[in-house]
N, C-alpha and C. Protein backbone atom coordinates (compact mmCIF):
# COMPACT_ATOMS: atom_id res chain seq x y z
N MET A 1 -8.05 13.26 -7.93
CA MET A 1 -7.49 14.29 -7.97
C MET A 1 -6.78 14.53 -9.34
N HIS A 2 -7.63 15.11 -10.26
CA HIS A 2 -6.95 14.89 -11.79
C HIS A 2 -6.51 16.43 -12.03
N GLU A 3 -5.25 16.53 -11.91
CA GLU A 3 -4.92 18.10 -12.19
C GLU A 3 -4.90 18.43 -13.99
N THR A 4 -5.17 19.36 -14.03
CA THR A 4 -5.33 19.77 -15.38
C THR A 4 -3.98 19.43 -16.16
N GLY A 5 -3.89 19.55 -17.38
CA GLY A 5 -2.85 19.37 -18.04
C GLY A 5 -1.76 18.18 -17.64
N ARG A 6 -2.27 17.22 -16.90
CA ARG A 6 -1.53 16.24 -16.58
C ARG A 6 -2.23 15.05 -17.01
N THR A 7 -1.17 14.10 -17.62
CA THR A 7 -1.99 12.88 -18.09
C THR A 7 -1.30 11.48 -17.32
N TYR A 8 -2.07 10.71 -16.99
CA TYR A 8 -2.18 9.18 -16.24
C TYR A 8 -1.72 8.38 -17.13
N ILE A 9 -1.24 7.27 -17.07
CA ILE A 9 -0.91 5.85 -17.39
C ILE A 9 -1.65 5.03 -16.63
N TRP A 10 -2.79 4.35 -16.75
CA TRP A 10 -3.43 3.31 -15.79
C TRP A 10 -2.93 2.16 -16.29
N GLY A 11 -2.98 1.25 -15.10
CA GLY A 11 -2.70 -0.40 -15.21
C GLY A 11 -3.39 -0.98 -13.81
N THR A 12 -4.09 -2.11 -14.25
CA THR A 12 -5.00 -2.83 -12.99
C THR A 12 -4.23 -4.16 -12.88
N GLY A 13 -3.83 -4.52 -11.78
CA GLY A 13 -3.15 -5.73 -11.46
C GLY A 13 -3.68 -6.39 -10.62
N ARG A 14 -3.98 -7.66 -10.46
CA ARG A 14 -4.72 -8.64 -9.27
C ARG A 14 -3.75 -9.76 -9.10
N ARG A 15 -4.06 -10.27 -7.96
CA ARG A 15 -3.30 -11.65 -7.20
C ARG A 15 -4.00 -11.82 -6.17
N LYS A 16 -4.34 -13.29 -6.14
CA LYS A 16 -5.45 -14.04 -5.34
C LYS A 16 -6.65 -13.07 -5.28
N THR A 17 -7.28 -12.52 -4.25
CA THR A 17 -8.36 -11.69 -4.33
C THR A 17 -7.93 -10.11 -4.07
N ALA A 18 -6.64 -9.78 -4.29
CA ALA A 18 -6.30 -8.57 -4.22
C ALA A 18 -6.60 -7.82 -5.23
N VAL A 19 -6.76 -6.58 -5.65
CA VAL A 19 -6.68 -6.14 -6.89
C VAL A 19 -6.11 -4.37 -6.55
N ALA A 20 -5.48 -4.03 -7.36
CA ALA A 20 -4.65 -2.65 -7.30
C ALA A 20 -4.80 -2.07 -8.70
N ARG A 21 -5.37 -0.68 -8.77
CA ARG A 21 -5.54 0.08 -9.67
C ARG A 21 -4.40 0.72 -9.73
N VAL A 22 -3.72 1.05 -10.56
CA VAL A 22 -2.15 1.98 -10.57
C VAL A 22 -2.35 2.94 -11.55
N ARG A 23 -1.82 4.17 -10.88
CA ARG A 23 -1.75 5.46 -12.26
C ARG A 23 -0.08 5.75 -11.88
N LEU A 24 0.36 5.87 -13.25
CA LEU A 24 1.81 6.31 -13.14
C LEU A 24 1.62 7.60 -14.03
N ARG A 25 2.37 8.58 -13.40
CA ARG A 25 2.87 9.66 -14.30
C ARG A 25 4.22 10.23 -14.11
N ALA A 26 4.96 10.83 -15.27
CA ALA A 26 6.10 11.12 -15.22
C ALA A 26 6.76 11.95 -13.80
N GLY A 27 7.80 11.78 -13.00
CA GLY A 27 8.18 12.31 -11.84
C GLY A 27 9.25 12.13 -11.42
N SER A 28 9.31 11.99 -10.11
CA SER A 28 10.49 11.94 -9.05
C SER A 28 10.84 10.56 -8.69
N GLY A 29 9.66 9.72 -8.71
CA GLY A 29 9.78 8.41 -7.91
C GLY A 29 8.95 8.24 -6.65
N LYS A 30 8.04 9.05 -6.50
CA LYS A 30 7.19 9.05 -5.50
C LYS A 30 6.25 7.81 -5.17
N VAL A 31 6.07 6.83 -4.44
CA VAL A 31 5.15 5.82 -4.54
C VAL A 31 4.21 5.74 -3.62
N LEU A 32 2.73 6.18 -3.63
CA LEU A 32 1.81 6.34 -2.74
C LEU A 32 0.64 4.67 -2.81
N ILE A 33 0.31 4.49 -2.13
CA ILE A 33 -0.56 3.57 -1.94
C ILE A 33 -1.64 3.71 -1.17
N ASN A 34 -3.07 3.86 -1.44
CA ASN A 34 -4.31 4.15 -0.67
C ASN A 34 -3.78 5.72 0.24
N GLY A 35 -3.02 6.40 -0.17
CA GLY A 35 -2.71 7.82 0.32
C GLY A 35 -1.60 7.56 1.24
N ARG A 36 -1.02 6.49 1.29
CA ARG A 36 0.31 6.61 2.27
C ARG A 36 1.50 6.13 1.39
N PRO A 37 2.60 6.43 1.66
CA PRO A 37 3.69 6.00 1.70
C PRO A 37 4.02 4.76 1.33
N PHE A 38 4.63 4.20 0.27
CA PHE A 38 4.55 2.63 0.14
C PHE A 38 5.53 2.07 1.13
N GLU A 39 6.46 2.86 1.87
CA GLU A 39 7.15 1.90 3.22
C GLU A 39 6.35 2.04 4.29
N VAL A 40 5.24 2.48 4.64
CA VAL A 40 4.38 2.43 5.45
C VAL A 40 3.42 1.35 5.43
N HIS A 41 2.67 1.29 4.15
CA HIS A 41 1.74 0.07 3.71
C HIS A 41 2.30 -1.20 3.74
N PHE A 42 3.55 -1.15 3.29
CA PHE A 42 4.31 -2.63 3.22
C PHE A 42 5.34 -2.83 4.09
N PRO A 43 5.27 -3.47 5.08
CA PRO A 43 6.46 -3.35 6.00
C PRO A 43 7.27 -4.34 5.80
N THR A 44 7.23 -5.36 5.10
CA THR A 44 8.50 -6.06 4.73
C THR A 44 9.06 -5.71 3.63
N GLU A 45 10.50 -5.95 3.44
CA GLU A 45 11.29 -5.82 2.35
C GLU A 45 10.86 -6.31 1.20
N LYS A 46 10.65 -7.87 1.13
CA LYS A 46 10.21 -8.58 -0.09
C LYS A 46 9.00 -7.78 -0.78
N GLN A 47 7.72 -7.29 0.13
CA GLN A 47 6.54 -6.80 -0.34
C GLN A 47 7.15 -5.30 -1.06
N ARG A 48 8.11 -4.75 -0.80
CA ARG A 48 8.57 -3.28 -1.52
C ARG A 48 9.17 -3.86 -2.69
N LEU A 49 10.18 -4.71 -2.46
CA LEU A 49 10.79 -5.27 -3.75
C LEU A 49 9.93 -5.49 -4.91
N ASP A 50 8.82 -6.24 -4.32
CA ASP A 50 7.86 -6.78 -5.30
C ASP A 50 7.28 -5.35 -5.99
N VAL A 51 6.98 -4.39 -5.67
CA VAL A 51 6.53 -2.96 -5.95
C VAL A 51 7.27 -2.35 -6.65
N LEU A 52 8.65 -2.36 -6.52
CA LEU A 52 9.56 -1.78 -7.11
C LEU A 52 10.13 -2.36 -8.27
N GLY A 53 10.00 -3.71 -8.31
CA GLY A 53 10.69 -4.62 -9.21
C GLY A 53 10.31 -4.10 -10.84
N PRO A 54 9.21 -3.71 -11.21
CA PRO A 54 8.92 -3.64 -12.73
C PRO A 54 9.87 -2.14 -12.92
N LEU A 55 9.59 -1.41 -11.99
CA LEU A 55 10.14 0.01 -12.44
C LEU A 55 11.46 0.07 -12.29
N GLN A 56 12.51 -0.71 -11.44
CA GLN A 56 13.92 -0.95 -11.56
C GLN A 56 14.29 -1.66 -12.79
N ALA A 57 13.84 -2.67 -13.45
CA ALA A 57 13.81 -3.45 -14.30
C ALA A 57 13.87 -2.51 -15.69
N VAL A 58 13.11 -1.53 -15.80
CA VAL A 58 13.27 -0.41 -16.88
C VAL A 58 14.13 0.68 -16.77
N GLY A 59 14.44 0.49 -15.63
CA GLY A 59 15.52 1.82 -15.11
C GLY A 59 14.57 2.86 -14.80
N GLY A 60 13.43 2.73 -14.46
CA GLY A 60 12.61 4.33 -14.16
C GLY A 60 11.98 4.37 -12.86
N ALA A 61 12.80 3.71 -11.87
CA ALA A 61 12.29 4.03 -10.06
C ALA A 61 12.61 5.66 -9.68
N ASP A 62 13.13 6.63 -10.61
CA ASP A 62 13.17 7.71 -10.23
C ASP A 62 12.64 8.66 -11.28
N LYS A 63 11.77 8.13 -12.06
CA LYS A 63 11.33 8.84 -13.44
C LYS A 63 9.53 8.67 -13.26
N TRP A 64 9.37 7.82 -12.57
CA TRP A 64 7.79 8.03 -12.46
C TRP A 64 7.13 8.07 -10.81
N ASP A 65 5.84 8.53 -11.01
CA ASP A 65 5.23 8.63 -9.88
C ASP A 65 4.18 7.67 -9.78
N VAL A 66 3.84 7.02 -8.50
CA VAL A 66 3.17 5.93 -8.83
C VAL A 66 2.19 6.15 -7.57
N TRP A 67 0.61 6.24 -8.03
CA TRP A 67 -0.54 6.07 -7.20
C TRP A 67 -1.42 4.87 -7.13
N ALA A 68 -1.74 4.47 -6.17
CA ALA A 68 -2.12 3.04 -6.21
C ALA A 68 -3.28 3.18 -5.43
N ARG A 69 -4.47 2.41 -5.66
CA ARG A 69 -5.73 2.13 -4.85
C ARG A 69 -5.78 0.31 -4.77
N ALA A 70 -5.20 0.02 -3.53
CA ALA A 70 -5.07 -1.47 -3.53
C ALA A 70 -6.31 -2.10 -2.44
N SER A 71 -7.03 -3.16 -2.56
CA SER A 71 -8.27 -3.35 -1.75
C SER A 71 -8.51 -4.98 -1.94
N GLY A 72 -8.56 -5.65 -1.19
CA GLY A 72 -8.91 -6.92 -1.01
C GLY A 72 -7.62 -7.89 -0.77
N GLY A 73 -7.63 -8.93 -0.40
CA GLY A 73 -6.65 -9.78 -0.08
C GLY A 73 -5.72 -9.44 0.85
N GLY A 74 -4.54 -9.70 1.31
CA GLY A 74 -3.54 -9.57 2.52
C GLY A 74 -2.43 -8.59 1.67
N LEU A 75 -1.52 -8.07 2.68
CA LEU A 75 -0.55 -7.32 2.38
C LEU A 75 0.24 -8.24 1.03
N THR A 76 0.52 -9.30 1.12
CA THR A 76 1.28 -10.05 0.08
C THR A 76 0.84 -9.89 -1.43
N GLY A 77 -0.53 -10.23 -1.16
CA GLY A 77 -1.46 -10.41 -2.43
C GLY A 77 -1.42 -8.86 -3.23
N GLN A 78 -1.75 -7.88 -2.20
CA GLN A 78 -1.83 -6.38 -2.65
C GLN A 78 -0.23 -6.06 -3.37
N SER A 79 0.79 -6.53 -2.91
CA SER A 79 2.15 -6.09 -3.49
C SER A 79 2.19 -6.92 -4.68
N GLY A 80 1.85 -8.08 -5.04
CA GLY A 80 1.80 -8.69 -6.17
C GLY A 80 1.02 -8.33 -7.36
N ALA A 81 -0.03 -7.70 -6.56
CA ALA A 81 -1.28 -6.80 -7.80
C ALA A 81 -0.70 -5.59 -8.23
N MET A 82 0.08 -4.84 -7.21
CA MET A 82 1.10 -3.78 -7.59
C MET A 82 1.85 -4.22 -9.02
N ARG A 83 2.75 -4.87 -8.56
CA ARG A 83 3.60 -5.35 -9.49
C ARG A 83 3.15 -5.40 -10.82
N LEU A 84 2.03 -6.17 -11.13
CA LEU A 84 1.48 -6.59 -12.53
C LEU A 84 0.60 -5.22 -12.72
N GLY A 85 0.25 -4.21 -12.10
CA GLY A 85 -0.45 -2.99 -12.36
C GLY A 85 0.89 -2.18 -12.92
N ILE A 86 1.69 -1.93 -12.06
CA ILE A 86 2.80 -1.28 -12.64
C ILE A 86 3.44 -1.56 -13.96
N ALA A 87 3.48 -2.88 -13.87
CA ALA A 87 4.24 -3.50 -15.36
C ALA A 87 3.25 -3.17 -16.40
N ARG A 88 2.12 -3.26 -16.16
CA ARG A 88 1.13 -3.02 -17.59
C ARG A 88 1.23 -1.56 -17.79
N ALA A 89 1.28 -0.53 -17.07
CA ALA A 89 1.14 0.83 -17.23
C ALA A 89 2.63 1.12 -17.99
N LEU A 90 3.66 0.45 -17.29
CA LEU A 90 4.72 0.73 -18.01
C LEU A 90 4.99 0.27 -19.55
N ARG A 91 4.19 -1.06 -19.50
CA ARG A 91 4.20 -1.43 -21.03
C ARG A 91 3.33 -0.38 -22.07
N ILE A 92 2.38 0.08 -21.57
CA ILE A 92 1.20 1.16 -22.22
C ILE A 92 1.96 2.38 -22.43
N ALA A 93 3.09 2.99 -21.25
CA ALA A 93 4.06 4.15 -21.45
C ALA A 93 4.85 4.10 -22.55
N ASP A 94 5.38 2.71 -22.88
CA ASP A 94 6.63 2.48 -23.88
C ASP A 94 6.51 1.09 -24.08
N ALA A 95 6.34 0.91 -25.57
CA ALA A 95 6.03 -0.63 -25.78
C ALA A 95 7.50 -1.20 -25.83
N ALA A 96 8.42 -0.23 -25.97
CA ALA A 96 10.07 -1.09 -25.91
C ALA A 96 10.17 -1.80 -24.97
N HIS A 97 9.57 -1.32 -23.51
CA HIS A 97 9.99 -1.94 -22.19
C HIS A 97 9.23 -3.36 -22.10
N GLU A 98 8.09 -3.81 -23.24
CA GLU A 98 7.46 -5.30 -23.15
C GLU A 98 8.56 -6.20 -22.87
N GLU A 99 9.88 -6.16 -23.81
CA GLU A 99 10.76 -7.53 -23.62
C GLU A 99 11.25 -7.66 -22.34
N VAL A 100 11.78 -6.38 -21.87
CA VAL A 100 12.30 -6.23 -20.51
C VAL A 100 11.46 -6.88 -19.52
N LEU A 101 10.08 -6.49 -19.44
CA LEU A 101 9.23 -6.68 -18.43
C LEU A 101 8.68 -8.27 -18.56
N ARG A 102 8.56 -8.65 -19.89
CA ARG A 102 8.00 -9.98 -20.26
C ARG A 102 9.34 -11.04 -19.34
N ASP A 103 10.32 -10.55 -19.77
CA ASP A 103 11.93 -11.68 -19.43
C ASP A 103 11.70 -11.68 -17.84
N GLY A 104 11.45 -10.28 -17.36
CA GLY A 104 11.59 -10.58 -15.84
C GLY A 104 10.47 -11.05 -14.97
N GLY A 105 9.39 -11.51 -16.11
CA GLY A 105 8.21 -12.30 -15.29
C GLY A 105 7.12 -11.06 -14.89
N PHE A 106 7.30 -9.88 -15.02
CA PHE A 106 6.47 -9.15 -14.56
C PHE A 106 5.06 -9.03 -15.21
N LEU A 107 4.92 -9.25 -16.32
CA LEU A 107 3.72 -9.35 -16.99
C LEU A 107 3.34 -10.63 -17.23
N THR A 108 3.38 -11.42 -15.81
CA THR A 108 2.74 -12.74 -15.91
C THR A 108 1.78 -12.56 -15.02
N ARG A 109 0.34 -13.20 -15.16
CA ARG A 109 -0.52 -12.79 -14.08
C ARG A 109 -0.45 -14.16 -13.24
N ASP A 110 -0.31 -14.26 -11.96
CA ASP A 110 -0.24 -15.36 -11.10
C ASP A 110 -1.82 -15.72 -10.94
N SER A 111 -2.20 -16.82 -11.20
CA SER A 111 -3.61 -17.26 -11.45
C SER A 111 -3.85 -18.19 -10.33
N ARG A 112 -3.05 -18.39 -9.22
CA ARG A 112 -3.05 -19.36 -8.10
C ARG A 112 -4.20 -18.71 -7.40
N MET A 113 -5.24 -19.37 -7.06
CA MET A 113 -6.19 -19.08 -6.24
C MET A 113 -6.31 -20.18 -5.01
N VAL A 114 -6.92 -19.89 -3.89
CA VAL A 114 -6.82 -20.92 -2.75
C VAL A 114 -8.20 -21.67 -3.06
N GLU A 115 -7.91 -22.93 -2.99
CA GLU A 115 -8.42 -23.91 -2.94
C GLU A 115 -9.79 -24.11 -1.79
N ARG A 116 -10.77 -24.14 -2.43
CA ARG A 116 -12.21 -24.22 -1.42
C ARG A 116 -12.04 -25.41 -0.73
N LYS A 117 -12.52 -25.02 0.54
CA LYS A 117 -12.96 -26.14 1.78
C LYS A 117 -14.13 -27.02 1.03
N LYS A 118 -13.81 -28.40 1.29
CA LYS A 118 -14.85 -29.49 1.06
C LYS A 118 -15.60 -29.92 2.27
N TYR A 119 -16.89 -30.20 2.25
CA TYR A 119 -17.79 -30.50 3.19
C TYR A 119 -17.08 -32.17 3.53
N GLY A 120 -17.30 -32.17 4.99
CA GLY A 120 -16.59 -33.40 5.50
C GLY A 120 -15.39 -33.65 5.58
N GLN A 121 -14.71 -32.31 5.53
CA GLN A 121 -13.49 -32.33 5.81
C GLN A 121 -13.09 -31.08 6.63
N LYS A 122 -11.76 -31.04 7.35
CA LYS A 122 -11.60 -29.89 8.05
C LYS A 122 -11.13 -28.55 7.46
N LYS A 123 -10.32 -28.86 6.31
CA LYS A 123 -9.96 -27.65 5.23
C LYS A 123 -10.15 -28.23 3.58
N ALA A 124 -9.34 -27.73 3.04
CA ALA A 124 -9.44 -27.98 1.50
C ALA A 124 -9.30 -29.68 1.26
N ARG A 125 -8.02 -29.83 1.86
CA ARG A 125 -7.57 -31.26 1.86
C ARG A 125 -7.38 -32.00 3.08
N ARG A 126 -7.21 -31.41 4.06
CA ARG A 126 -6.96 -31.87 5.74
C ARG A 126 -8.50 -32.62 5.63
N ARG A 127 -8.36 -33.83 6.14
CA ARG A 127 -9.48 -34.54 6.38
C ARG A 127 -9.67 -34.92 8.33
N PHE A 128 -10.72 -35.04 8.48
CA PHE A 128 -11.02 -35.38 10.11
C PHE A 128 -10.22 -36.59 10.02
N GLN A 129 -9.49 -36.71 11.76
CA GLN A 129 -9.00 -37.83 11.97
C GLN A 129 -9.87 -39.20 11.94
N PHE A 130 -9.10 -40.03 11.36
CA PHE A 130 -9.90 -41.40 11.07
C PHE A 130 -9.56 -42.37 12.19
N SER A 131 -10.72 -42.79 12.78
CA SER A 131 -10.52 -44.06 13.80
C SER A 131 -11.06 -45.11 13.55
N LYS A 132 -10.12 -46.23 13.60
CA LYS A 132 -10.64 -47.75 12.96
C LYS A 132 -11.46 -48.35 13.92
N ARG A 133 -10.89 -48.32 15.46
CA ARG A 133 -11.73 -48.78 16.45
C ARG A 133 -12.28 -47.68 17.34
């Protein structure tokens, strides 16, 4: 839904296997994720704080409207992806925000991924029980 005369600022965030494509527009502070209010999409307070962190760091929680399409992973991964996507979009909107966002750790991509399961073991590191006799 691209309205005429309105410009969006895009940012993409990733965390684990989750991807969030974020659009920012000057507005009143409305946050929608997959067409739902973010309070509905993210049930826990930590996930909500993750999403709003970059906006609060630059003092723009009530100055930007956020639309996001989040997919893959779980809710924690999606909230981390949203955090990075919003921070990247805010940096594009105003380059002066970069220092505040970088100091807060909002522009750092968390590269940790789930370790793969190995054959001959129950999980990635957990082995089957050893019996000497």
